Amino acid sequence: MSLTQEQKKHFKSIGHHLKPVVTVAEQGLKENLMAELDRALNDHELIKIQLRIAEREDRQAILTELCQQSSAILVQSIGKMALIYRKNPKANPKLSNLQRT
């Protein structure tokens, strides 16, 4: 599944005000990090991730792997921040960043 330019623009405007809910450090994609990421995506659908990794190529590789493992779509990546999205058909309107706006 891919996003249209209009959807990306809308998600970026929502994501601008979000705080990172998951932080990926040098240890990479451990099991507990993937569990937290899955929970965050189920609850919020659209989340901001902070990548505390020095090298740009390493950040991009981790981000690609993270999106593949979590079945999420990369909306935007700027520096050490990334915005990802995964639709939850049974999202809680009180928690979802898309339904609260």
PDB file of N, CA and C in Angstrom:
ATOM      1  N   MET A   1       0.848  -1.179   0.000  1.00  0.00           N
ATOM      2  CA  MET A   1       0.000   0.000   0.000  1.00  0.00           C
ATOM      3  C   MET A   1       0.895   1.246   0.000  1.00  0.00           C
ATOM      4  N   SER A   2       0.510   2.217  -0.776  1.00  0.00           N
ATOM      5  CA  SER A   2       1.258   3.474  -0.797  1.00  0.00           C
ATOM      6  C   SER A   2       0.282   4.625  -0.533  1.00  0.00           C
ATOM      7  N   LEU A   3       0.856   5.755  -0.237  1.00  0.00           N
ATOM      8  CA  LEU A   3       0.056   6.936   0.083  1.00  0.00           C
ATOM      9  C   LEU A   3       0.064   7.907  -1.085  1.00  0.00           C
ATOM     10  N   THR A   4      -1.039   8.609  -1.271  1.00  0.00           N
ATOM     11  CA  THR A   4      -1.092   9.652  -2.281  1.00  0.00           C
ATOM     12  C   THR A   4      -0.361  10.883  -1.747  1.00  0.00           C
ATOM     13  N   GLN A   5      -0.035  11.795  -2.619  1.00  0.00           N
ATOM     14  CA  GLN A   5       0.626  13.038  -2.198  1.00  0.00           C
ATOM     15  C   GLN A   5      -0.262  13.818  -1.237  1.00  0.00           C
ATOM     16  N   GLU A   6      -1.566  13.787  -1.477  1.00  0.00           N
ATOM     17  CA  GLU A   6      -2.508  14.492  -0.602  1.00  0.00           C
ATOM     18  C   GLU A   6      -2.507  13.888   0.803  1.00  0.00           C
ATOM     19  N   GLN A   7      -2.476  12.546   0.892  1.00  0.00           N
ATOM     20  CA  GLN A   7      -2.428  11.884   2.188  1.00  0.00           C
ATOM     21  C   GLN A   7      -1.117  12.205   2.908  1.00  0.00           C
ATOM     22  N   LYS A   8      -0.012  12.155   2.179  1.00  0.00           N
ATOM     23  CA  LYS A   8       1.288  12.470   2.784  1.00  0.00           C
ATOM     24  C   LYS A   8       1.301  13.894   3.328  1.00  0.00           C
ATOM     25  N   LYS A   9       0.760  14.819   2.566  1.00  0.00           N
ATOM     26  CA  LYS A   9       0.715  16.218   2.997  1.00  0.00           C
ATOM     27  C   LYS A   9      -0.101  16.350   4.282  1.00  0.00           C
ATOM     28  N   HIS A  10      -1.240  15.670   4.324  1.00  0.00           N
ATOM     29  CA  HIS A  10      -2.107  15.704   5.512  1.00  0.00           C
ATOM     30  C   HIS A  10      -1.395  15.082   6.718  1.00  0.00           C
ATOM     31  N   PHE A  11      -0.760  13.925   6.522  1.00  0.00           N
ATOM     32  CA  PHE A  11      -0.058  13.246   7.603  1.00  0.00           C
ATOM     33  C   PHE A  11       1.122  14.077   8.111  1.00  0.00           C
ATOM     34  N   LYS A  12       1.831  14.743   7.207  1.00  0.00           N
ATOM     35  CA  LYS A  12       2.955  15.593   7.614  1.00  0.00           C
ATOM     36  C   LYS A  12       2.476  16.747   8.488  1.00  0.00           C
ATOM     37  N   SER A  13       1.317  17.315   8.145  1.00  0.00           N
ATOM     38  CA  SER A  13       0.790  18.430   8.938  1.00  0.00           C
ATOM     39  C   SER A  13       0.395  17.955  10.337  1.00  0.00           C
ATOM     40  N   ILE A  14      -0.114  16.740  10.444  1.00  0.00           N
ATOM     41  CA  ILE A  14      -0.444  16.172  11.762  1.00  0.00           C
ATOM     42  C   ILE A  14       0.848  15.844  12.503  1.00  0.00           C
ATOM     43  N   GLY A  15       1.775  15.201  11.810  1.00  0.00           N
ATOM     44  CA  GLY A  15       3.024  14.744  12.416  1.00  0.00           C
ATOM     45  C   GLY A  15       3.920  15.852  12.907  1.00  0.00           C
ATOM     46  N   HIS A  16       3.788  17.022  12.334  1.00  0.00           N
ATOM     47  CA  HIS A  16       4.627  18.152  12.732  1.00  0.00           C
ATOM     48  C   HIS A  16       4.514  18.436  14.229  1.00  0.00           C
ATOM     49  N   HIS A  17       3.336  18.239  14.794  1.00  0.00           N
ATOM     50  CA  HIS A  17       3.079  18.572  16.193  1.00  0.00           C
ATOM     51  C   HIS A  17       3.278  17.390  17.137  1.00  0.00           C
ATOM     52  N   LEU A  18       3.582  16.220  16.595  1.00  0.00           N
ATOM     53  CA  LEU A  18       3.752  15.034  17.438  1.00  0.00           C
ATOM     54  C   LEU A  18       5.137  14.997  18.069  1.00  0.00           C
ATOM     55  N   LYS A  19       5.214  14.365  19.213  1.00  0.00           N
ATOM     56  CA  LYS A  19       6.493  14.099  19.860  1.00  0.00           C
ATOM     57  C   LYS A  19       6.877  12.654  19.545  1.00  0.00           C
ATOM     58  N   PRO A  20       8.168  12.354  19.479  1.00  0.00           N
ATOM     59  CA  PRO A  20       8.585  10.969  19.197  1.00  0.00           C
ATOM     60  C   PRO A  20       8.112  10.019  20.298  1.00  0.00           C
ATOM     61  N   VAL A  21       7.546   8.879  19.903  1.00  0.00           N
ATOM     62  CA  VAL A  21       7.081   7.897  20.879  1.00  0.00           C
ATOM     63  C   VAL A  21       7.996   6.677  20.935  1.00  0.00           C
ATOM     64  N   VAL A  22       8.854   6.529  19.934  1.00  0.00           N
ATOM     65  CA  VAL A  22       9.812   5.422  19.898  1.00  0.00           C
ATOM     66  C   VAL A  22      11.175   6.004  19.546  1.00  0.00           C
ATOM     67  N   THR A  23      12.206   5.536  20.253  1.00  0.00           N
ATOM     68  CA  THR A  23      13.575   5.960  19.974  1.00  0.00           C
ATOM     69  C   THR A  23      14.408   4.741  19.620  1.00  0.00           C
ATOM     70  N   VAL A  24      15.057   4.809  18.470  1.00  0.00           N
ATOM     71  CA  VAL A  24      15.943   3.734  18.027  1.00  0.00           C
ATOM     72  C   VAL A  24      17.372   4.216  18.236  1.00  0.00           C
ATOM     73  N   ALA A  25      18.136   3.449  19.010  1.00  0.00           N
ATOM     74  CA  ALA A  25      19.529   3.814  19.286  1.00  0.00           C
ATOM     75  C   ALA A  25      20.461   2.845  18.572  1.00  0.00           C
ATOM     76  N   GLU A  26      21.722   2.892  18.929  1.00  0.00           N
ATOM     77  CA  GLU A  26      22.751   2.081  18.271  1.00  0.00           C
ATOM     78  C   GLU A  26      22.514   0.580  18.391  1.00  0.00           C
ATOM     79  N   GLN A  27      21.736   0.144  19.382  1.00  0.00           N
ATOM     80  CA  GLN A  27      21.483  -1.285  19.554  1.00  0.00           C
ATOM     81  C   GLN A  27      20.639  -1.865  18.419  1.00  0.00           C
ATOM     82  N   GLY A  28      19.941  -1.005  17.692  1.00  0.00           N
ATOM     83  CA  GLY A  28      19.162  -1.463  16.546  1.00  0.00           C
ATOM     84  C   GLY A  28      17.774  -1.948  16.912  1.00  0.00           C
ATOM     85  N   LEU A  29      17.266  -2.866  16.099  1.00  0.00           N
ATOM     86  CA  LEU A  29      15.888  -3.324  16.224  1.00  0.00           C
ATOM     87  C   LEU A  29      15.808  -4.582  17.083  1.00  0.00           C
ATOM     88  N   LYS A  30      15.770  -4.388  18.370  1.00  0.00           N
ATOM     89  CA  LYS A  30      15.632  -5.500  19.308  1.00  0.00           C
ATOM     90  C   LYS A  30      14.154  -5.875  19.430  1.00  0.00           C
ATOM     91  N   GLU A  31      13.907  -7.027  20.019  1.00  0.00           N
ATOM     92  CA  GLU A  31      12.542  -7.534  20.162  1.00  0.00           C
ATOM     93  C   GLU A  31      11.648  -6.587  20.959  1.00  0.00           C
ATOM     94  N   ASN A  32      12.173  -6.024  22.060  1.00  0.00           N
ATOM     95  CA  ASN A  32      11.365  -5.118  22.875  1.00  0.00           C
ATOM     96  C   ASN A  32      11.056  -3.810  22.146  1.00  0.00           C
ATOM     97  N   LEU A  33      11.971  -3.341  21.316  1.00  0.00           N
ATOM     98  CA  LEU A  33      11.721  -2.132  20.532  1.00  0.00           C
ATOM     99  C   LEU A  33      10.614  -2.391  19.504  1.00  0.00           C
ATOM    100  N   MET A  34      10.658  -3.549  18.856  1.00  0.00           N
ATOM    101  CA  MET A  34       9.632  -3.878  17.866  1.00  0.00           C
ATOM    102  C   MET A  34       8.263  -4.053  18.536  1.00  0.00           C
ATOM    103  N   ALA A  35       8.229  -4.590  19.746  1.00  0.00           N
ATOM    104  CA  ALA A  35       6.974  -4.729  20.482  1.00  0.00           C
ATOM    105  C   ALA A  35       6.395  -3.357  20.818  1.00  0.00           C
ATOM    106  N   GLU A  36       7.254  -2.449  21.256  1.00  0.00           N
ATOM    107  CA  GLU A  36       6.803  -1.086  21.578  1.00  0.00           C
ATOM    108  C   GLU A  36       6.328  -0.360  20.316  1.00  0.00           C
ATOM    109  N   LEU A  37       7.040  -0.544  19.226  1.00  0.00           N
ATOM    110  CA  LEU A  37       6.655   0.060  17.954  1.00  0.00           C
ATOM    111  C   LEU A  37       5.289  -0.457  17.505  1.00  0.00           C
ATOM    112  N   ASP A  38       5.081  -1.761  17.624  1.00  0.00           N
ATOM    113  CA  ASP A  38       3.808  -2.367  17.234  1.00  0.00           C
ATOM    114  C   ASP A  38       2.665  -1.807  18.077  1.00  0.00           C
ATOM    115  N   ARG A  39       2.896  -1.685  19.383  1.00  0.00           N
ATOM    116  CA  ARG A  39       1.873  -1.127  20.269  1.00  0.00           C
ATOM    117  C   ARG A  39       1.555   0.319  19.898  1.00  0.00           C
ATOM    118  N   ALA A  40       2.595   1.096  19.643  1.00  0.00           N
ATOM    119  CA  ALA A  40       2.398   2.504  19.297  1.00  0.00           C
ATOM    120  C   ALA A  40       1.638   2.652  17.982  1.00  0.00           C
ATOM    121  N   LEU A  41       1.972   1.835  16.992  1.00  0.00           N
ATOM    122  CA  LEU A  41       1.270   1.899  15.706  1.00  0.00           C
ATOM    123  C   LEU A  41      -0.180   1.460  15.841  1.00  0.00           C
ATOM    124  N   ASN A  42      -0.439   0.440  16.656  1.00  0.00           N
ATOM    125  CA  ASN A  42      -1.814   0.004  16.878  1.00  0.00           C
ATOM    126  C   ASN A  42      -2.638   1.089  17.558  1.00  0.00           C
ATOM    127  N   ASP A  43      -2.031   1.768  18.523  1.00  0.00           N
ATOM    128  CA  ASP A  43      -2.753   2.805  19.254  1.00  0.00           C
ATOM    129  C   ASP A  43      -2.912   4.086  18.448  1.00  0.00           C
ATOM    130  N   HIS A  44      -1.840   4.551  17.824  1.00  0.00           N
ATOM    131  CA  HIS A  44      -1.818   5.894  17.246  1.00  0.00           C
ATOM    132  C   HIS A  44      -1.869   5.953  15.721  1.00  0.00           C
ATOM    133  N   GLU A  45      -1.570   4.864  15.031  1.00  0.00           N
ATOM    134  CA  GLU A  45      -1.533   4.772  13.570  1.00  0.00           C
ATOM    135  C   GLU A  45      -0.420   5.603  12.938  1.00  0.00           C
ATOM    136  N   LEU A  46      -0.300   6.846  13.309  1.00  0.00           N
ATOM    137  CA  LEU A  46       0.729   7.745  12.776  1.00  0.00           C
ATOM    138  C   LEU A  46       1.636   8.142  13.932  1.00  0.00           C
ATOM    139  N   ILE A  47       2.921   7.781  13.837  1.00  0.00           N
ATOM    140  CA  ILE A  47       3.830   8.071  14.943  1.00  0.00           C
ATOM    141  C   ILE A  47       5.132   8.673  14.436  1.00  0.00           C
ATOM    142  N   LYS A  48       5.787   9.384  15.338  1.00  0.00           N
ATOM    143  CA  LYS A  48       7.095   9.968  15.056  1.00  0.00           C
ATOM    144  C   LYS A  48       8.137   9.129  15.785  1.00  0.00           C
ATOM    145  N   ILE A  49       9.235   8.845  15.088  1.00  0.00           N
ATOM    146  CA  ILE A  49      10.322   8.042  15.633  1.00  0.00           C
ATOM    147  C   ILE A  49      11.596   8.872  15.632  1.00  0.00           C
ATOM    148  N   GLN A  50      12.354   8.761  16.718  1.00  0.00           N
ATOM    149  CA  GLN A  50      13.654   9.415  16.780  1.00  0.00           C
ATOM    150  C   GLN A  50      14.726   8.355  16.561  1.00  0.00           C
ATOM    151  N   LEU A  51      15.666   8.647  15.673  1.00  0.00           N
ATOM    152  CA  LEU A  51      16.758   7.725  15.357  1.00  0.00           C
ATOM    153  C   LEU A  51      18.055   8.296  15.908  1.00  0.00           C
ATOM    154  N   ARG A  52      18.545   7.723  16.988  1.00  0.00           N
ATOM    155  CA  ARG A  52      19.801   8.191  17.597  1.00  0.00           C
ATOM    156  C   ARG A  52      20.967   7.392  17.037  1.00  0.00           C
ATOM    157  N   ILE A  53      21.140   7.521  15.738  1.00  0.00           N
ATOM    158  CA  ILE A  53      22.196   6.826  15.025  1.00  0.00           C
ATOM    159  C   ILE A  53      22.962   7.872  14.235  1.00  0.00           C
ATOM    160  N   ALA A  54      24.269   7.847  14.342  1.00  0.00           N
ATOM    161  CA  ALA A  54      25.102   8.914  13.788  1.00  0.00           C
ATOM    162  C   ALA A  54      25.118   8.940  12.263  1.00  0.00           C
ATOM    163  N   GLU A  55      25.350   7.820  11.620  1.00  0.00           N
ATOM    164  CA  GLU A  55      25.526   7.782  10.166  1.00  0.00           C
ATOM    165  C   GLU A  55      24.205   7.776   9.408  1.00  0.00           C
ATOM    166  N   ARG A  56      24.109   8.612   8.398  1.00  0.00           N
ATOM    167  CA  ARG A  56      22.905   8.743   7.587  1.00  0.00           C
ATOM    168  C   ARG A  56      22.520   7.422   6.917  1.00  0.00           C
ATOM    169  N   GLU A  57      23.503   6.710   6.365  1.00  0.00           N
ATOM    170  CA  GLU A  57      23.227   5.452   5.679  1.00  0.00           C
ATOM    171  C   GLU A  57      22.689   4.415   6.661  1.00  0.00           C
ATOM    172  N   ASP A  58      23.240   4.389   7.871  1.00  0.00           N
ATOM    173  CA  ASP A  58      22.769   3.460   8.902  1.00  0.00           C
ATOM    174  C   ASP A  58      21.335   3.784   9.319  1.00  0.00           C
ATOM    175  N   ARG A  59      21.043   5.077   9.462  1.00  0.00           N
ATOM    176  CA  ARG A  59      19.671   5.485   9.813  1.00  0.00           C
ATOM    177  C   ARG A  59      18.687   5.037   8.745  1.00  0.00           C
ATOM    178  N   GLN A  60      19.068   5.226   7.487  1.00  0.00           N
ATOM    179  CA  GLN A  60      18.181   4.853   6.387  1.00  0.00           C
ATOM    180  C   GLN A  60      17.966   3.340   6.342  1.00  0.00           C
ATOM    181  N   ALA A  61      19.029   2.571   6.561  1.00  0.00           N
ATOM    182  CA  ALA A  61      18.915   1.115   6.554  1.00  0.00           C
ATOM    183  C   ALA A  61      18.024   0.625   7.695  1.00  0.00           C
ATOM    184  N   ILE A  62      18.198   1.189   8.884  1.00  0.00           N
ATOM    185  CA  ILE A  62      17.370   0.815  10.044  1.00  0.00           C
ATOM    186  C   ILE A  62      15.918   1.185   9.788  1.00  0.00           C
ATOM    187  N   LEU A  63      15.692   2.351   9.228  1.00  0.00           N
ATOM    188  CA  LEU A  63      14.337   2.809   8.950  1.00  0.00           C
ATOM    189  C   LEU A  63      13.642   1.908   7.931  1.00  0.00           C
ATOM    190  N   THR A  64      14.360   1.506   6.901  1.00  0.00           N
ATOM    191  CA  THR A  64      13.805   0.600   5.894  1.00  0.00           C
ATOM    192  C   THR A  64      13.435  -0.735   6.527  1.00  0.00           C
ATOM    193  N   GLU A  65      14.333  -1.275   7.325  1.00  0.00           N
ATOM    194  CA  GLU A  65      14.093  -2.555   8.000  1.00  0.00           C
ATOM    195  C   GLU A  65      12.926  -2.443   8.974  1.00  0.00           C
ATOM    196  N   LEU A  66      12.875  -1.349   9.709  1.00  0.00           N
ATOM    197  CA  LEU A  66      11.811  -1.115  10.670  1.00  0.00           C
ATOM    198  C   LEU A  66      10.442  -1.091   9.979  1.00  0.00           C
ATOM    199  N   CYS A  67      10.355  -0.400   8.864  1.00  0.00           N
ATOM    200  CA  CYS A  67       9.092  -0.320   8.121  1.00  0.00           C
ATOM    201  C   CYS A  67       8.698  -1.682   7.557  1.00  0.00           C
ATOM    202  N   GLN A  68       9.659  -2.442   7.077  1.00  0.00           N
ATOM    203  CA  GLN A  68       9.357  -3.770   6.545  1.00  0.00           C
ATOM    204  C   GLN A  68       8.858  -4.699   7.638  1.00  0.00           C
ATOM    205  N   GLN A  69       9.539  -4.728   8.777  1.00  0.00           N
ATOM    206  CA  GLN A  69       9.157  -5.624   9.869  1.00  0.00           C
ATOM    207  C   GLN A  69       7.817  -5.259  10.488  1.00  0.00           C
ATOM    208  N   SER A  70       7.476  -3.983  10.501  1.00  0.00           N
ATOM    209  CA  SER A  70       6.237  -3.545  11.142  1.00  0.00           C
ATOM    210  C   SER A  70       5.094  -3.330  10.150  1.00  0.00           C
ATOM    211  N   SER A  71       5.341  -3.549   8.878  1.00  0.00           N
ATOM    212  CA  SER A  71       4.341  -3.328   7.817  1.00  0.00           C
ATOM    213  C   SER A  71       3.840  -1.884   7.808  1.00  0.00           C
ATOM    214  N   ALA A  72       4.726  -0.969   8.095  1.00  0.00           N
ATOM    215  CA  ALA A  72       4.381   0.452   8.127  1.00  0.00           C
ATOM    216  C   ALA A  72       4.895   1.143   6.870  1.00  0.00           C
ATOM    217  N   ILE A  73       4.394   2.333   6.649  1.00  0.00           N
ATOM    218  CA  ILE A  73       4.782   3.141   5.495  1.00  0.00           C
ATOM    219  C   ILE A  73       5.525   4.368   5.995  1.00  0.00           C
ATOM    220  N   LEU A  74       6.666   4.633   5.400  1.00  0.00           N
ATOM    221  CA  LEU A  74       7.419   5.836   5.731  1.00  0.00           C
ATOM    222  C   LEU A  74       6.742   7.031   5.075  1.00  0.00           C
ATOM    223  N   VAL A  75       6.329   7.980   5.889  1.00  0.00           N
ATOM    224  CA  VAL A  75       5.684   9.194   5.387  1.00  0.00           C
ATOM    225  C   VAL A  75       6.741  10.253   5.114  1.00  0.00           C
ATOM    226  N   GLN A  76       7.669  10.408   6.067  1.00  0.00           N
ATOM    227  CA  GLN A  76       8.679  11.459   5.939  1.00  0.00           C
ATOM    228  C   GLN A  76       9.868  11.130   6.836  1.00  0.00           C
ATOM    229  N   SER A  77      11.043  11.489   6.369  1.00  0.00           N
ATOM    230  CA  SER A  77      12.253  11.328   7.164  1.00  0.00           C
ATOM    231  C   SER A  77      13.091  12.593   7.003  1.00  0.00           C
ATOM    232  N   ILE A  78      13.322  13.269   8.123  1.00  0.00           N
ATOM    233  CA  ILE A  78      14.134  14.483   8.114  1.00  0.00           C
ATOM    234  C   ILE A  78      15.161  14.350   9.228  1.00  0.00           C
ATOM    235  N   GLY A  79      16.427  14.316   8.841  1.00  0.00           N
ATOM    236  CA  GLY A  79      17.489  14.192   9.831  1.00  0.00           C
ATOM    237  C   GLY A  79      17.342  12.929  10.651  1.00  0.00           C
ATOM    238  N   LYS A  80      17.211  13.100  11.960  1.00  0.00           N
ATOM    239  CA  LYS A  80      17.094  11.957  12.861  1.00  0.00           C
ATOM    240  C   LYS A  80      15.659  11.698  13.301  1.00  0.00           C
ATOM    241  N   MET A  81      14.712  12.273  12.594  1.00  0.00           N
ATOM    242  CA  MET A  81      13.291  12.048  12.885  1.00  0.00           C
ATOM    243  C   MET A  81      12.618  11.407  11.683  1.00  0.00           C
ATOM    244  N   ALA A  82      11.673  10.520  11.969  1.00  0.00           N
ATOM    245  CA  ALA A  82      10.905   9.884  10.895  1.00  0.00           C
ATOM    246  C   ALA A  82       9.447   9.802  11.320  1.00  0.00           C
ATOM    247  N   LEU A  83       8.580   9.873  10.346  1.00  0.00           N
ATOM    248  CA  LEU A  83       7.146   9.781  10.556  1.00  0.00           C
ATOM    249  C   LEU A  83       6.669   8.546   9.804  1.00  0.00           C
ATOM    250  N   ILE A  84       6.052   7.598  10.522  1.00  0.00           N
ATOM    251  CA  ILE A  84       5.569   6.384   9.860  1.00  0.00           C
ATOM    252  C   ILE A  84       4.092   6.175  10.152  1.00  0.00           C
ATOM    253  N   TYR A  85       3.452   5.411   9.277  1.00  0.00           N
ATOM    254  CA  TYR A  85       2.008   5.201   9.345  1.00  0.00           C
ATOM    255  C   TYR A  85       1.680   3.736   9.086  1.00  0.00           C
ATOM    256  N   ARG A  86       0.744   3.224   9.871  1.00  0.00           N
ATOM    257  CA  ARG A  86       0.157   1.910   9.610  1.00  0.00           C
ATOM    258  C   ARG A  86      -1.307   1.967  10.007  1.00  0.00           C
ATOM    259  N   LYS A  87      -2.171   1.672   9.056  1.00  0.00           N
ATOM    260  CA  LYS A  87      -3.611   1.742   9.300  1.00  0.00           C
ATOM    261  C   LYS A  87      -4.041   0.665  10.277  1.00  0.00           C
ATOM    262  N   ASN A  88      -4.904   1.051  11.195  1.00  0.00           N
ATOM    263  CA  ASN A  88      -5.523   0.126  12.134  1.00  0.00           C
ATOM    264  C   ASN A  88      -7.033   0.233  11.938  1.00  0.00           C
ATOM    265  N   PRO A  89      -7.674  -0.782  11.352  1.00  0.00           N
ATOM    266  CA  PRO A  89      -9.116  -0.698  11.095  1.00  0.00           C
ATOM    267  C   PRO A  89      -9.955  -0.588  12.366  1.00  0.00           C
ATOM    268  N   LYS A  90      -9.403  -1.012  13.503  1.00  0.00           N
ATOM    269  CA  LYS A  90     -10.136  -0.945  14.771  1.00  0.00           C
ATOM    270  C   LYS A  90      -9.498   0.066  15.722  1.00  0.00           C
ATOM    271  N   ALA A  91      -9.027   1.161  15.177  1.00  0.00           N
ATOM    272  CA  ALA A  91      -8.324   2.168  15.984  1.00  0.00           C
ATOM    273  C   ALA A  91      -9.264   2.814  16.997  1.00  0.00           C
ATOM    274  N   ASN A  92      -8.726   3.066  18.171  1.00  0.00           N
ATOM    275  CA  ASN A  92      -9.453   3.763  19.220  1.00  0.00           C
ATOM    276  C   ASN A  92      -9.442   5.260  18.883  1.00  0.00           C
ATOM    277  N   PRO A  93     -10.616   5.874  18.696  1.00  0.00           N
ATOM    278  CA  PRO A  93     -10.649   7.298  18.326  1.00  0.00           C
ATOM    279  C   PRO A  93     -10.006   8.219  19.363  1.00  0.00           C
ATOM    280  N   LYS A  94      -9.922   7.766  20.609  1.00  0.00           N
ATOM    281  CA  LYS A  94      -9.302   8.599  21.643  1.00  0.00           C
ATOM    282  C   LYS A  94      -7.785   8.547  21.590  1.00  0.00           C
ATOM    283  N   LEU A  95      -7.218   7.506  20.945  1.00  0.00           N
ATOM    284  CA  LEU A  95      -5.779   7.366  20.883  1.00  0.00           C
ATOM    285  C   LEU A  95      -5.204   7.681  19.504  1.00  0.00           C
ATOM    286  N   SER A  96      -5.949   7.423  18.464  1.00  0.00           N
ATOM    287  CA  SER A  96      -5.438   7.590  17.101  1.00  0.00           C
ATOM    288  C   SER A  96      -5.124   9.045  16.797  1.00  0.00           C
ATOM    289  N   ASN A  97      -3.923   9.280  16.288  1.00  0.00           N
ATOM    290  CA  ASN A  97      -3.531  10.637  15.901  1.00  0.00           C
ATOM    291  C   ASN A  97      -4.300  11.112  14.679  1.00  0.00           C
ATOM    292  N   LEU A  98      -4.857  10.206  13.909  1.00  0.00           N
ATOM    293  CA  LEU A  98      -5.609  10.590  12.714  1.00  0.00           C
ATOM    294  C   LEU A  98      -7.063  10.909  13.019  1.00  0.00           C
ATOM    295  N   GLN A  99      -7.635  10.229  13.983  1.00  0.00           N
ATOM    296  CA  GLN A  99      -9.048  10.431  14.295  1.00  0.00           C
ATOM    297  C   GLN A  99      -9.291  11.544  15.304  1.00  0.00           C
ATOM    298  N   ARG A 100      -8.241  11.946  16.002  1.00  0.00           N
ATOM    299  CA  ARG A 100      -8.382  13.030  16.998  1.00  0.00           C
ATOM    300  C   ARG A 100      -8.380  14.396  16.353  1.00  0.00           C
ATOM    301  N   THR A 101      -7.871  14.499  15.126  1.00  0.00           N
ATOM    302  CA  THR A 101      -7.737  15.813  14.508  1.00  0.00           C
ATOM    303  C   THR A 101      -9.000  16.231  13.807  1.00  0.00           C
TER     304      THR A 101
END
